[in-house]
Every structure is written in C-alpha cells, then in structure tokens.
C-alpha cells in the first residue's frame, strides 16, 4: 500500500497522528504512531471513528482545523 501522509499532531511524549491517503484506493484515514517507549505501534483509524472518540484532544482539534481550512473561501447558501 502506497500512502501519502501529512502530520496532524506530534505530542510531547512522542506520539504522532497523521492524516493519510491510500494512493491506490483513495481511502483517507488517520494513522497513529505510538512513541517508542509505548512500543512504537502504528494504528489505522477511520476518519469517522477518530472524530467519534471520546475526549477531544489536540490531535482531534488539529484535524478539525485542517478540515475547516478547506472551506476558507466565499460562503454559499
């Protein structure tokens, strides 16, 4: 699987959240990379599941900010 990735958030403990897209299928998802002390595991989370997680952490706010930046042009009714 070839993915295009953009970092959303990097926590102070070394965890990273990336917005990712499978270049072949077009599927978009969030990839969480745990810090090395936590095992360094990578987890793929669907966008809906990620945004529905309890607790709106800074990683959630970063994704919402990115989404909001996509509609920065003129408003339409």
Protein backbone atom coordinates (compact mmCIF):
# COMPACT_ATOMS: atom_id res chain seq x y z
CA UNK A 1 0.00 0.00 0.00
CA UNK A 2 1.42 3.37 -1.04
CA UNK A 3 0.29 6.18 1.24
CA UNK A 4 0.52 9.92 1.20
CA UNK A 5 0.77 11.29 4.74
CA UNK A 6 0.64 14.65 6.48
CA UNK A 7 1.36 15.09 10.16
CA UNK A 8 -1.61 16.44 12.11
CA UNK A 9 -0.15 16.48 15.58
CA UNK A 10 3.01 15.46 17.44
CA UNK A 11 2.60 15.12 21.21
CA UNK A 12 5.23 15.96 23.80
CA UNK A 13 5.60 12.24 24.63
CA UNK A 14 6.47 11.41 21.01
CA UNK A 15 3.14 10.08 19.72
CA UNK A 16 2.26 11.21 16.18
CA UNK A 17 -1.06 11.44 14.35
CA UNK A 18 -1.02 11.66 10.58
CA UNK A 19 -3.73 12.21 8.00
CA UNK A 20 -3.11 9.55 5.38
CA UNK A 21 -4.49 8.58 1.99
CA UNK A 22 -4.04 5.28 0.19
CA UNK A 23 -2.80 6.37 -3.24
CA UNK A 24 -4.33 3.33 -4.95
CA UNK A 25 -7.83 3.26 -3.41
CA UNK A 26 -8.23 6.90 -2.35
CA UNK A 27 -9.20 5.81 1.18
CA UNK A 28 -8.45 8.52 3.76
CA UNK A 29 -7.71 7.68 7.39
CA UNK A 30 -5.80 8.76 10.49
CA UNK A 31 -2.63 6.88 11.35
CA UNK A 32 -1.48 6.94 14.97
CA UNK A 33 2.18 6.14 15.62
CA UNK A 34 2.86 5.42 19.28
CA UNK A 35 6.14 6.59 20.78
CA UNK A 36 8.99 4.08 21.10
CA UNK A 37 8.51 3.74 24.87
CA UNK A 38 4.93 2.58 24.22
CA UNK A 39 6.06 0.05 21.64
CA UNK A 40 6.05 2.27 18.56
CA UNK A 41 2.98 0.56 17.11
CA UNK A 42 1.11 2.11 14.21
CA UNK A 43 -2.70 2.07 14.18
CA UNK A 44 -5.02 2.99 11.32
CA UNK A 45 -8.28 4.68 12.35
CA UNK A 46 -11.13 5.67 10.03
CA UNK A 47 -11.88 9.41 9.99
CA UNK A 48 -15.38 8.93 11.45
CA UNK A 49 -14.16 6.63 14.21
CA UNK A 50 -11.32 9.01 15.03
CA UNK A 51 -13.64 12.01 15.33
CA UNK A 52 -16.14 10.00 17.39
CA UNK A 53 -13.56 9.06 20.04
CA UNK A 54 -14.32 10.42 23.48
CA UNK A 55 -12.24 13.35 24.60
CA UNK A 56 -11.45 15.99 22.02
CA UNK A 57 -7.68 16.01 22.30
CA UNK A 58 -5.31 18.31 20.44
CA UNK A 59 -4.99 15.69 17.68
CA UNK A 60 -8.76 15.94 17.06
CA UNK A 61 -8.61 19.73 17.07
CA UNK A 62 -5.76 19.63 14.53
CA UNK A 63 -7.84 17.52 12.13
CA UNK A 64 -10.90 19.75 12.56
CA UNK A 65 -8.73 22.82 11.93
CA UNK A 66 -7.34 21.25 8.74
CA UNK A 67 -10.85 20.39 7.53
CA UNK A 68 -12.02 23.92 8.33
CA UNK A 69 -9.15 25.41 6.33
CA UNK A 70 -10.52 23.70 3.22
CA UNK A 71 -13.62 25.88 3.25
CA UNK A 72 -11.87 29.22 3.72
CA UNK A 73 -13.30 30.73 0.52
CA UNK A 74 -16.60 32.51 -0.10
CA UNK A 75 -19.64 31.18 1.76
CA UNK A 76 -22.54 29.67 -0.22
CA UNK A 77 -26.13 29.11 0.87
